[in-house]
Amino acid sequence: MKFNRLLQRDSSAAVVFLLPSLIGFGLFFLIPFAAGCYYSLVDSPVNGGFVGLSNYAELLESSSFRKAASNTALFTAVSVPLLMVISLLLALLLMRDVFARNWLRTFYVMPLVVPVASIVMLWQILFDSNGFLNAYLHEHGLATKDWMGSGTARAVVLLVYLWKNTGYNMVLYLAGLQNIPEDYYEAASVEGAGRWWKLRNITLVYLTPTAFFVFIMSVVGSFKVFRETYLIAGEYPHESIYMLQHYMNNMFLSLDYQKLTSAAYIMALAITVFVAVVFRLERVLRGRME
């Protein structure tokens, strides 16, 4: 009886402490989410009539939306594996006793604390039509390029994404590597295992949970590259870097809330299904490891 009263008192205290967060969650997430769902099912945000899934069907027929969706999917498919591999290689390197290891760690993490405006200024200096790279090419008698107005724009955005996010993923991998007991490597060495065998059968196996987390965060981060792309290339960039976020931003500026919310919900649904599949695969792999 005394335990039940203590439990009820603790539960009441927990509710009191959680209440501000719950109110904020409701005001800034649940209510806007429900409002967005409503807007995606009507033909006008003001006194609109219910049209069901017509907005979604019209959206899927839009060539600009399909282009934005395919560009986003292609960018994610290319950038995320590259980011994961580069981050893992750097983490493995910095786990060794290399020269200026602490300075290198600081160097790779620095982009995380640099403001987006500074990042954009740096890349504009490099890749502007009158920027550093074109000046270098001109001095050496080579043809200059319109870096952000041609097919090279995708490579520039990819470099920005890798440069901005490599340090964060590297820190996650370093944390995972440091949690692997040294006893495993010592036992493998006694059995005569080589470096590659240890990497494949110990390091990569025990890094699987970390790798899945890094994968999810990298996918989410690939959608945030819009900030840099928008500031560098504007509202209507080259078609190779016209992302879903560009499409939704343009729909917002044109006050087409129906297409805006429909596109947002399609993107959210795709991400949710993708993450659910990834977590399912992670549970299967973890079960096999155990």
C-alpha atoms as a PDB file:
ATOM      1  CA  MET A   1       0.000   0.000   0.000  1.00  0.00           C
ATOM      2  CA  LYS A   2       2.802   2.351   0.904  1.00  0.00           C
ATOM      3  CA  PHE A   3       4.584   1.442  -2.328  1.00  0.00           C
ATOM      4  CA  ASN A   4       1.459   2.258  -4.366  1.00  0.00           C
ATOM      5  CA  ARG A   5       1.191   5.708  -2.779  1.00  0.00           C
ATOM      6  CA  LEU A   6       4.866   6.336  -3.458  1.00  0.00           C
ATOM      7  CA  LEU A   7       4.428   5.240  -7.070  1.00  0.00           C
ATOM      8  CA  GLN A   8       1.403   7.519  -7.539  1.00  0.00           C
ATOM      9  CA  ARG A   9       3.310  10.443  -6.054  1.00  0.00           C
ATOM     10  CA  ASP A  10       6.275   9.840  -8.365  1.00  0.00           C
ATOM     11  CA  SER A  11       3.929   9.520 -11.350  1.00  0.00           C
ATOM     12  CA  SER A  12       2.282  12.833 -10.500  1.00  0.00           C
ATOM     13  CA  ALA A  13       5.678  14.514 -10.205  1.00  0.00           C
ATOM     14  CA  ALA A  14       6.740  13.029 -13.548  1.00  0.00           C
ATOM     15  CA  VAL A  15       3.603  14.379 -15.226  1.00  0.00           C
ATOM     16  CA  VAL A  16       4.269  17.850 -13.810  1.00  0.00           C
ATOM     17  CA  PHE A  17       7.823  17.858 -15.163  1.00  0.00           C
ATOM     18  CA  LEU A  18       6.743  16.456 -18.535  1.00  0.00           C
ATOM     19  CA  LEU A  19       3.792  18.796 -18.954  1.00  0.00           C
ATOM     20  CA  PRO A  20       5.751  21.735 -20.506  1.00  0.00           C
ATOM     21  CA  SER A  21       7.308  19.398 -23.064  1.00  0.00           C
ATOM     22  CA  LEU A  22       3.960  17.768 -23.822  1.00  0.00           C
ATOM     23  CA  ILE A  23       2.315  21.166 -24.308  1.00  0.00           C
ATOM     24  CA  GLY A  24       5.123  22.269 -26.626  1.00  0.00           C
ATOM     25  CA  PHE A  25       4.916  18.991 -28.535  1.00  0.00           C
ATOM     26  CA  GLY A  26       1.195  19.437 -29.020  1.00  0.00           C
ATOM     27  CA  LEU A  27       1.385  23.089 -30.031  1.00  0.00           C
ATOM     28  CA  PHE A  28       4.366  22.888 -32.351  1.00  0.00           C
ATOM     29  CA  PHE A  29       4.040  19.370 -33.771  1.00  0.00           C
ATOM     30  CA  LEU A  30       0.673  17.641 -33.352  1.00  0.00           C
ATOM     31  CA  ILE A  31      -1.524  20.627 -34.206  1.00  0.00           C
ATOM     32  CA  PRO A  32       0.560  21.715 -37.261  1.00  0.00           C
ATOM     33  CA  PHE A  33       0.705  18.074 -38.365  1.00  0.00           C
ATOM     34  CA  ALA A  34      -3.085  17.771 -38.234  1.00  0.00           C
ATOM     35  CA  ALA A  35      -3.517  21.136 -39.979  1.00  0.00           C
ATOM     36  CA  GLY A  36      -1.145  20.071 -42.745  1.00  0.00           C
ATOM     37  CA  CYS A  37      -3.067  16.842 -43.207  1.00  0.00           C
ATOM     38  CA  TYR A  38      -6.273  18.878 -43.569  1.00  0.00           C
ATOM     39  CA  TYR A  39      -4.737  21.256 -46.126  1.00  0.00           C
ATOM     40  CA  SER A  40      -3.532  18.333 -48.243  1.00  0.00           C
ATOM     41  CA  LEU A  41      -7.095  17.045 -48.573  1.00  0.00           C
ATOM     42  CA  VAL A  42      -8.884  20.270 -49.562  1.00  0.00           C
ATOM     43  CA  ASP A  43      -8.772  22.449 -52.673  1.00  0.00           C
ATOM     44  CA  SER A  44      -8.121  25.726 -50.815  1.00  0.00           C
ATOM     45  CA  PRO A  45      -6.741  26.623 -47.369  1.00  0.00           C
ATOM     46  CA  VAL A  46      -9.614  29.103 -46.890  1.00  0.00           C
ATOM     47  CA  ASN A  47     -13.157  27.681 -47.031  1.00  0.00           C
ATOM     48  CA  GLY A  48     -11.856  24.825 -49.157  1.00  0.00           C
ATOM     49  CA  GLY A  49     -13.838  21.779 -50.154  1.00  0.00           C
ATOM     50  CA  PHE A  50     -12.787  18.220 -49.483  1.00  0.00           C
ATOM     51  CA  VAL A  51     -11.117  16.649 -52.558  1.00  0.00           C
ATOM     52  CA  GLY A  52      -9.620  13.518 -51.040  1.00  0.00           C
ATOM     53  CA  LEU A  53      -6.399  12.350 -52.652  1.00  0.00           C
ATOM     54  CA  SER A  54      -6.753  14.569 -55.732  1.00  0.00           C
ATOM     55  CA  ASN A  55      -3.922  16.844 -54.573  1.00  0.00           C
ATOM     56  CA  TYR A  56      -1.623  13.856 -54.226  1.00  0.00           C
ATOM     57  CA  ALA A  57      -2.567  12.539 -57.676  1.00  0.00           C
ATOM     58  CA  GLU A  58      -1.961  15.963 -59.215  1.00  0.00           C
ATOM     59  CA  LEU A  59       1.345  16.202 -57.402  1.00  0.00           C
ATOM     60  CA  LEU A  60       2.565  12.853 -58.722  1.00  0.00           C
ATOM     61  CA  GLU A  61       1.703  13.970 -62.244  1.00  0.00           C
ATOM     62  CA  SER A  62       3.828  17.109 -61.878  1.00  0.00           C
ATOM     63  CA  SER A  63       7.100  16.909 -63.802  1.00  0.00           C
ATOM     64  CA  SER A  64       8.804  19.367 -61.451  1.00  0.00           C
ATOM     65  CA  PHE A  65       7.888  17.282 -58.420  1.00  0.00           C
ATOM     66  CA  ARG A  66       9.108  14.075 -60.062  1.00  0.00           C
ATOM     67  CA  LYS A  67      12.352  15.814 -60.996  1.00  0.00           C
ATOM     68  CA  ALA A  68      12.830  17.074 -57.448  1.00  0.00           C
ATOM     69  CA  ALA A  69      12.040  13.651 -55.983  1.00  0.00           C
ATOM     70  CA  SER A  70      14.428  11.828 -58.330  1.00  0.00           C
ATOM     71  CA  ASN A  71      17.221  14.348 -57.650  1.00  0.00           C
ATOM     72  CA  THR A  72      16.735  13.979 -53.890  1.00  0.00           C
ATOM     73  CA  ALA A  73      16.718  10.181 -54.090  1.00  0.00           C
ATOM     74  CA  LEU A  74      19.829  10.141 -56.301  1.00  0.00           C
ATOM     75  CA  PHE A  75      21.690  12.554 -54.036  1.00  0.00           C
ATOM     76  CA  THR A  76      20.851  10.474 -50.951  1.00  0.00           C
ATOM     77  CA  ALA A  77      21.807   7.216 -52.674  1.00  0.00           C
ATOM     78  CA  VAL A  78      25.225   8.591 -53.664  1.00  0.00           C
ATOM     79  CA  SER A  79      26.105  10.841 -50.724  1.00  0.00           C
ATOM     80  CA  VAL A  80      25.143   8.612 -47.783  1.00  0.00           C
ATOM     81  CA  PRO A  81      27.334   5.588 -48.680  1.00  0.00           C
ATOM     82  CA  LEU A  82      30.248   7.911 -49.503  1.00  0.00           C
ATOM     83  CA  LEU A  83      29.836   9.747 -46.210  1.00  0.00           C
ATOM     84  CA  MET A  84      29.691   6.526 -44.200  1.00  0.00           C
ATOM     85  CA  VAL A  85      32.800   5.065 -45.832  1.00  0.00           C
ATOM     86  CA  ILE A  86      34.868   8.256 -45.548  1.00  0.00           C
ATOM     87  CA  SER A  87      33.825   8.777 -41.915  1.00  0.00           C
ATOM     88  CA  LEU A  88      34.683   5.185 -41.013  1.00  0.00           C
ATOM     89  CA  LEU A  89      38.091   5.366 -42.686  1.00  0.00           C
ATOM     90  CA  LEU A  90      38.901   8.590 -40.846  1.00  0.00           C
ATOM     91  CA  ALA A  91      37.741   7.103 -37.542  1.00  0.00           C
ATOM     92  CA  LEU A  92      39.934   4.032 -38.075  1.00  0.00           C
ATOM     93  CA  LEU A  93      42.857   6.297 -38.940  1.00  0.00           C
ATOM     94  CA  LEU A  94      42.414   8.462 -35.854  1.00  0.00           C
ATOM     95  CA  MET A  95      42.206   5.384 -33.618  1.00  0.00           C
ATOM     96  CA  ARG A  96      45.842   4.765 -34.529  1.00  0.00           C
ATOM     97  CA  ASP A  97      48.793   6.689 -33.171  1.00  0.00           C
ATOM     98  CA  VAL A  98      49.165   9.095 -36.088  1.00  0.00           C
ATOM     99  CA  PHE A  99      50.948  12.432 -36.152  1.00  0.00           C
ATOM    100  CA  ALA A 100      48.900  15.359 -34.776  1.00  0.00           C
ATOM    101  CA  ARG A 101      45.932  13.091 -34.075  1.00  0.00           C
ATOM    102  CA  ASN A 102      44.201  15.549 -31.714  1.00  0.00           C
ATOM    103  CA  TRP A 103      44.625  18.393 -34.206  1.00  0.00           C
ATOM    104  CA  LEU A 104      43.157  16.243 -36.959  1.00  0.00           C
ATOM    105  CA  ARG A 105      40.136  15.401 -34.814  1.00  0.00           C
ATOM    106  CA  THR A 106      39.564  19.082 -34.179  1.00  0.00           C
ATOM    107  CA  PHE A 107      39.994  19.881 -37.874  1.00  0.00           C
ATOM    108  CA  TYR A 108      37.341  17.362 -38.976  1.00  0.00           C
ATOM    109  CA  VAL A 109      34.855  18.451 -36.307  1.00  0.00           C
ATOM    110  CA  MET A 110      35.217  22.187 -36.997  1.00  0.00           C
ATOM    111  CA  PRO A 111      32.570  22.289 -39.808  1.00  0.00           C
ATOM    112  CA  LEU A 112      29.956  21.321 -37.217  1.00  0.00           C
ATOM    113  CA  VAL A 113      30.357  24.605 -35.353  1.00  0.00           C
ATOM    114  CA  VAL A 114      30.824  26.875 -38.373  1.00  0.00           C
ATOM    115  CA  PRO A 115      27.650  28.916 -39.152  1.00  0.00           C
ATOM    116  CA  VAL A 116      25.886  28.090 -42.409  1.00  0.00           C
ATOM    117  CA  ALA A 117      26.414  31.642 -43.699  1.00  0.00           C
ATOM    118  CA  SER A 118      30.188  31.243 -43.325  1.00  0.00           C
ATOM    119  CA  ILE A 119      30.063  27.909 -45.112  1.00  0.00           C
ATOM    120  CA  VAL A 120      28.135  29.443 -47.994  1.00  0.00           C
ATOM    121  CA  MET A 121      30.587  32.334 -48.236  1.00  0.00           C
ATOM    122  CA  LEU A 122      33.504  29.898 -48.407  1.00  0.00           C
ATOM    123  CA  TRP A 123      31.968  27.819 -51.175  1.00  0.00           C
ATOM    124  CA  GLN A 124      30.874  30.904 -53.092  1.00  0.00           C
ATOM    125  CA  ILE A 125      34.453  32.163 -53.006  1.00  0.00           C
ATOM    126  CA  LEU A 126      35.587  28.833 -54.419  1.00  0.00           C
ATOM    127  CA  PHE A 127      32.909  28.081 -57.007  1.00  0.00           C
ATOM    128  CA  ASP A 128      31.506  31.449 -58.091  1.00  0.00           C
ATOM    129  CA  SER A 129      31.864  32.339 -61.768  1.00  0.00           C
ATOM    130  CA  ASN A 130      34.486  34.883 -60.662  1.00  0.00           C
ATOM    131  CA  GLY A 131      35.723  32.773 -57.775  1.00  0.00           C
ATOM    132  CA  PHE A 132      39.031  31.256 -56.805  1.00  0.00           C
ATOM    133  CA  LEU A 133      38.844  28.116 -58.956  1.00  0.00           C
ATOM    134  CA  ASN A 134      37.955  29.984 -62.129  1.00  0.00           C
ATOM    135  CA  ALA A 135      40.700  32.518 -61.424  1.00  0.00           C
ATOM    136  CA  TYR A 136      43.165  29.650 -61.052  1.00  0.00           C
ATOM    137  CA  LEU A 137      41.996  28.049 -64.304  1.00  0.00           C
ATOM    138  CA  HIS A 138      42.209  31.370 -66.120  1.00  0.00           C
ATOM    139  CA  GLU A 139      45.756  32.024 -64.893  1.00  0.00           C
ATOM    140  CA  HIS A 140      46.871  28.652 -66.271  1.00  0.00           C
ATOM    141  CA  GLY A 141      45.201  29.155 -69.642  1.00  0.00           C
ATOM    142  CA  LEU A 142      42.360  26.720 -69.005  1.00  0.00           C
ATOM    143  CA  ALA A 143      38.683  27.211 -69.760  1.00  0.00           C
ATOM    144  CA  THR A 144      36.615  28.462 -66.844  1.00  0.00           C
ATOM    145  CA  LYS A 145      33.382  26.730 -65.774  1.00  0.00           C
ATOM    146  CA  ASP A 146      30.008  27.786 -64.516  1.00  0.00           C
ATOM    147  CA  TRP A 147      30.225  25.471 -61.510  1.00  0.00           C
ATOM    148  CA  MET A 148      26.724  26.060 -60.130  1.00  0.00           C
ATOM    149  CA  GLY A 149      25.007  26.492 -63.492  1.00  0.00           C
ATOM    150  CA  SER A 150      25.991  23.179 -65.052  1.00  0.00           C
ATOM    151  CA  GLY A 151      26.125  19.472 -64.250  1.00  0.00           C
ATOM    152  CA  THR A 152      29.040  20.095 -61.883  1.00  0.00           C
ATOM    153  CA  ALA A 153      26.574  21.678 -59.409  1.00  0.00           C
ATOM    154  CA  ARG A 154      25.673  18.220 -58.084  1.00  0.00           C
ATOM    155  CA  ALA A 155      29.324  17.478 -57.352  1.00  0.00           C
ATOM    156  CA  VAL A 156      29.704  20.829 -55.556  1.00  0.00           C
ATOM    157  CA  VAL A 157      26.671  20.137 -53.346  1.00  0.00           C
ATOM    158  CA  LEU A 158      28.011  16.650 -52.664  1.00  0.00           C
ATOM    159  CA  LEU A 159      31.334  18.113 -51.527  1.00  0.00           C
ATOM    160  CA  VAL A 160      29.541  20.571 -49.242  1.00  0.00           C
ATOM    161  CA  TYR A 161      27.513  17.749 -47.702  1.00  0.00           C
ATOM    162  CA  LEU A 162      30.554  15.526 -47.155  1.00  0.00           C
ATOM    163  CA  TRP A 163      32.640  18.374 -45.744  1.00  0.00           C
ATOM    164  CA  LYS A 164      29.869  19.456 -43.347  1.00  0.00           C
ATOM    165  CA  ASN A 165      28.892  16.014 -42.002  1.00  0.00           C
ATOM    166  CA  THR A 166      32.023  13.865 -42.058  1.00  0.00           C
ATOM    167  CA  GLY A 167      33.212  15.093 -38.659  1.00  0.00           C
ATOM    168  CA  TYR A 168      29.947  14.270 -36.887  1.00  0.00           C
ATOM    169  CA  ASN A 169      29.809  10.730 -38.234  1.00  0.00           C
ATOM    170  CA  MET A 170      33.490  10.266 -37.481  1.00  0.00           C
ATOM    171  CA  VAL A 171      32.835  11.103 -33.811  1.00  0.00           C
ATOM    172  CA  LEU A 172      30.036   8.521 -33.703  1.00  0.00           C
ATOM    173  CA  TYR A 173      32.286   5.880 -35.228  1.00  0.00           C
ATOM    174  CA  LEU A 174      35.082   6.747 -32.779  1.00  0.00           C
ATOM    175  CA  ALA A 175      32.666   6.214 -29.886  1.00  0.00           C
ATOM    176  CA  GLY A 176      31.661   2.846 -31.322  1.00  0.00           C
ATOM    177  CA  LEU A 177      35.264   1.778 -31.909  1.00  0.00           C
ATOM    178  CA  GLN A 178      36.266   2.673 -28.369  1.00  0.00           C
ATOM    179  CA  ASN A 179      33.483   0.457 -26.997  1.00  0.00           C
ATOM    180  CA  ILE A 180      34.885  -2.665 -28.671  1.00  0.00           C
ATOM    181  CA  PRO A 181      36.876  -4.596 -26.011  1.00  0.00           C
ATOM    182  CA  GLU A 182      40.575  -4.939 -26.763  1.00  0.00           C
ATOM    183  CA  ASP A 183      40.366  -8.540 -25.531  1.00  0.00           C
ATOM    184  CA  TYR A 184      38.701  -9.531 -28.801  1.00  0.00           C
ATOM    185  CA  TYR A 185      41.619  -8.248 -30.855  1.00  0.00           C
ATOM    186  CA  GLU A 186      44.170  -9.814 -28.523  1.00  0.00           C
ATOM    187  CA  ALA A 187      42.443 -13.189 -28.704  1.00  0.00           C
ATOM    188  CA  ALA A 188      42.312 -12.948 -32.491  1.00  0.00           C
ATOM    189  CA  SER A 189      46.035 -12.091 -32.597  1.00  0.00           C
ATOM    190  CA  VAL A 190      46.824 -15.161 -30.494  1.00  0.00           C
ATOM    191  CA  GLU A 191      44.922 -17.267 -33.033  1.00  0.00           C
ATOM    192  CA  GLY A 192      47.016 -15.759 -35.820  1.00  0.00           C
ATOM    193  CA  ALA A 193      44.340 -13.510 -37.330  1.00  0.00           C
ATOM    194  CA  GLY A 194      45.504 -10.741 -39.630  1.00  0.00           C
ATOM    195  CA  ARG A 195      44.507  -7.095 -39.784  1.00  0.00           C
ATOM    196  CA  TRP A 196      41.842  -7.569 -42.465  1.00  0.00           C
ATOM    197  CA  TRP A 197      40.289 -10.531 -40.642  1.00  0.00           C
ATOM    198  CA  LYS A 198      39.996  -8.423 -37.475  1.00  0.00           C
ATOM    199  CA  LEU A 199      38.454  -5.561 -39.430  1.00  0.00           C
ATOM    200  CA  ARG A 200      35.895  -7.782 -41.147  1.00  0.00           C
ATOM    201  CA  ASN A 201      34.973 -10.118 -38.301  1.00  0.00           C
ATOM    202  CA  ILE A 202      35.406  -7.944 -35.208  1.00  0.00           C
ATOM    203  CA  THR A 203      35.395  -4.237 -36.016  1.00  0.00           C
ATOM    204  CA  LEU A 204      32.643  -4.166 -38.637  1.00  0.00           C
ATOM    205  CA  VAL A 205      30.500  -6.707 -36.801  1.00  0.00           C
ATOM    206  CA  TYR A 206      30.524  -4.844 -33.479  1.00  0.00           C
ATOM    207  CA  LEU A 207      30.123  -1.503 -35.248  1.00  0.00           C
ATOM    208  CA  THR A 208      26.834  -2.624 -36.806  1.00  0.00           C
ATOM    209  CA  PRO A 209      24.555  -0.787 -34.296  1.00  0.00           C
ATOM    210  CA  THR A 210      26.642   2.375 -34.644  1.00  0.00           C
ATOM    211  CA  ALA A 211      26.643   2.053 -38.433  1.00  0.00           C
ATOM    212  CA  PHE A 212      22.853   1.823 -38.529  1.00  0.00           C
ATOM    213  CA  PHE A 213      22.536   4.943 -36.385  1.00  0.00           C
ATOM    214  CA  VAL A 214      25.064   6.759 -38.586  1.00  0.00           C
ATOM    215  CA  PHE A 215      23.108   5.643 -41.648  1.00  0.00           C
ATOM    216  CA  ILE A 216      19.829   7.047 -40.317  1.00  0.00           C
ATOM    217  CA  MET A 217      21.433  10.344 -39.312  1.00  0.00           C
ATOM    218  CA  SER A 218      23.176  10.603 -42.689  1.00  0.00           C
ATOM    219  CA  VAL A 219      19.912  10.109 -44.561  1.00  0.00           C
ATOM    220  CA  VAL A 220      18.256  12.811 -42.452  1.00  0.00           C
ATOM    221  CA  GLY A 221      21.276  15.062 -43.001  1.00  0.00           C
ATOM    222  CA  SER A 222      21.067  14.588 -46.769  1.00  0.00           C
ATOM    223  CA  PHE A 223      17.689  16.347 -46.703  1.00  0.00           C
ATOM    224  CA  LYS A 224      19.158  19.293 -44.783  1.00  0.00           C
ATOM    225  CA  VAL A 225      21.607  20.147 -47.548  1.00  0.00           C
ATOM    226  CA  PHE A 226      18.866  22.403 -48.927  1.00  0.00           C
ATOM    227  CA  ARG A 227      20.048  25.264 -46.711  1.00  0.00           C
ATOM    228  CA  GLU A 228      23.474  25.422 -48.292  1.00  0.00           C
ATOM    229  CA  THR A 229      22.137  24.758 -51.796  1.00  0.00           C
ATOM    230  CA  TYR A 230      19.509  27.472 -51.479  1.00  0.00           C
ATOM    231  CA  LEU A 231      21.963  30.088 -50.240  1.00  0.00           C
ATOM    232  CA  ILE A 232      24.532  29.226 -52.908  1.00  0.00           C
ATOM    233  CA  ALA A 233      22.284  28.710 -55.940  1.00  0.00           C
ATOM    234  CA  GLY A 234      19.012  30.450 -55.046  1.00  0.00           C
ATOM    235  CA  GLU A 235      15.358  29.472 -55.424  1.00  0.00           C
ATOM    236  CA  TYR A 236      15.705  27.984 -58.906  1.00  0.00           C
ATOM    237  CA  PRO A 237      19.105  26.254 -59.105  1.00  0.00           C
ATOM    238  CA  HIS A 238      20.396  24.049 -61.888  1.00  0.00           C
ATOM    239  CA  GLU A 239      18.023  21.180 -62.555  1.00  0.00           C
ATOM    240  CA  SER A 240      20.548  18.621 -61.252  1.00  0.00           C
ATOM    241  CA  ILE A 241      20.294  20.053 -57.706  1.00  0.00           C
ATOM    242  CA  TYR A 242      16.607  20.958 -57.704  1.00  0.00           C
ATOM    243  CA  MET A 243      15.538  19.082 -54.552  1.00  0.00           C
ATOM    244  CA  LEU A 244      12.211  18.369 -52.886  1.00  0.00           C
ATOM    245  CA  GLN A 245      12.864  21.170 -50.444  1.00  0.00           C
ATOM    246  CA  HIS A 246      13.234  23.598 -53.373  1.00  0.00           C
ATOM    247  CA  TYR A 247       9.884  22.440 -54.714  1.00  0.00           C
ATOM    248  CA  MET A 248       8.150  22.870 -51.356  1.00  0.00           C
ATOM    249  CA  ASN A 249       9.766  26.254 -50.799  1.00  0.00           C
ATOM    250  CA  ASN A 250       8.523  27.455 -54.190  1.00  0.00           C
ATOM    251  CA  MET A 251       5.027  26.145 -53.429  1.00  0.00           C
ATOM    252  CA  PHE A 252       5.107  28.086 -50.164  1.00  0.00           C
ATOM    253  CA  LEU A 253       6.132  31.290 -51.945  1.00  0.00           C
ATOM    254  CA  SER A 254       3.306  30.843 -54.452  1.00  0.00           C
ATOM    255  CA  LEU A 255       0.854  30.133 -51.567  1.00  0.00           C
ATOM    256  CA  ASP A 256      -0.014  26.730 -53.035  1.00  0.00           C
ATOM    257  CA  TYR A 257      -0.443  25.108 -49.630  1.00  0.00           C
ATOM    258  CA  GLN A 258      -2.213  22.072 -51.058  1.00  0.00           C
ATOM    259  CA  LYS A 259       0.808  20.961 -53.081  1.00  0.00           C
ATOM    260  CA  LEU A 260       3.185  22.043 -50.327  1.00  0.00           C
ATOM    261  CA  THR A 261       1.550  19.889 -47.662  1.00  0.00           C
ATOM    262  CA  SER A 262       0.987  16.982 -50.051  1.00  0.00           C
ATOM    263  CA  ALA A 263       4.670  16.972 -51.005  1.00  0.00           C
ATOM    264  CA  ALA A 264       5.666  17.204 -47.335  1.00  0.00           C
ATOM    265  CA  TYR A 265       3.486  14.232 -46.398  1.00  0.00           C
ATOM    266  CA  ILE A 266       4.733  12.124 -49.288  1.00  0.00           C
ATOM    267  CA  MET A 267       8.323  12.847 -48.253  1.00  0.00           C
ATOM    268  CA  ALA A 268       7.536  12.106 -44.600  1.00  0.00           C
ATOM    269  CA  LEU A 269       5.828   8.848 -45.524  1.00  0.00           C
ATOM    270  CA  ALA A 270       8.754   7.771 -47.702  1.00  0.00           C
ATOM    271  CA  ILE A 271      11.255   8.530 -44.931  1.00  0.00           C
ATOM    272  CA  THR A 272       9.122   6.715 -42.330  1.00  0.00           C
ATOM    273  CA  VAL A 273       8.814   3.582 -44.462  1.00  0.00           C
ATOM    274  CA  PHE A 274      12.513   3.666 -45.290  1.00  0.00           C
ATOM    275  CA  VAL A 275      13.544   4.038 -41.641  1.00  0.00           C
ATOM    276  CA  ALA A 276      11.151   1.255 -40.602  1.00  0.00           C
ATOM    277  CA  VAL A 277      12.726  -1.097 -43.166  1.00  0.00           C
ATOM    278  CA  VAL A 278      16.218  -0.146 -41.970  1.00  0.00           C
ATOM    279  CA  PHE A 279      15.322  -0.835 -38.332  1.00  0.00           C
ATOM    280  CA  ARG A 280      13.810  -4.154 -39.351  1.00  0.00           C
ATOM    281  CA  LEU A 281      17.043  -5.118 -41.122  1.00  0.00           C
ATOM    282  CA  GLU A 282      19.034  -4.007 -38.085  1.00  0.00           C
ATOM    283  CA  ARG A 283      17.007  -6.267 -35.789  1.00  0.00           C
ATOM    284  CA  VAL A 284      17.480  -9.208 -38.153  1.00  0.00           C
ATOM    285  CA  LEU A 285      21.238  -8.665 -38.318  1.00  0.00           C
ATOM    286  CA  ARG A 286      21.477  -8.226 -34.559  1.00  0.00           C
ATOM    287  CA  GLY A 287      19.599 -11.487 -34.066  1.00  0.00           C
ATOM    288  CA  ARG A 288      22.043 -13.303 -36.315  1.00  0.00           C
ATOM    289  CA  MET A 289      24.993 -11.783 -34.451  1.00  0.00           C
ATOM    290  CA  GLU A 290      23.652 -13.015 -31.130  1.00  0.00           C
END
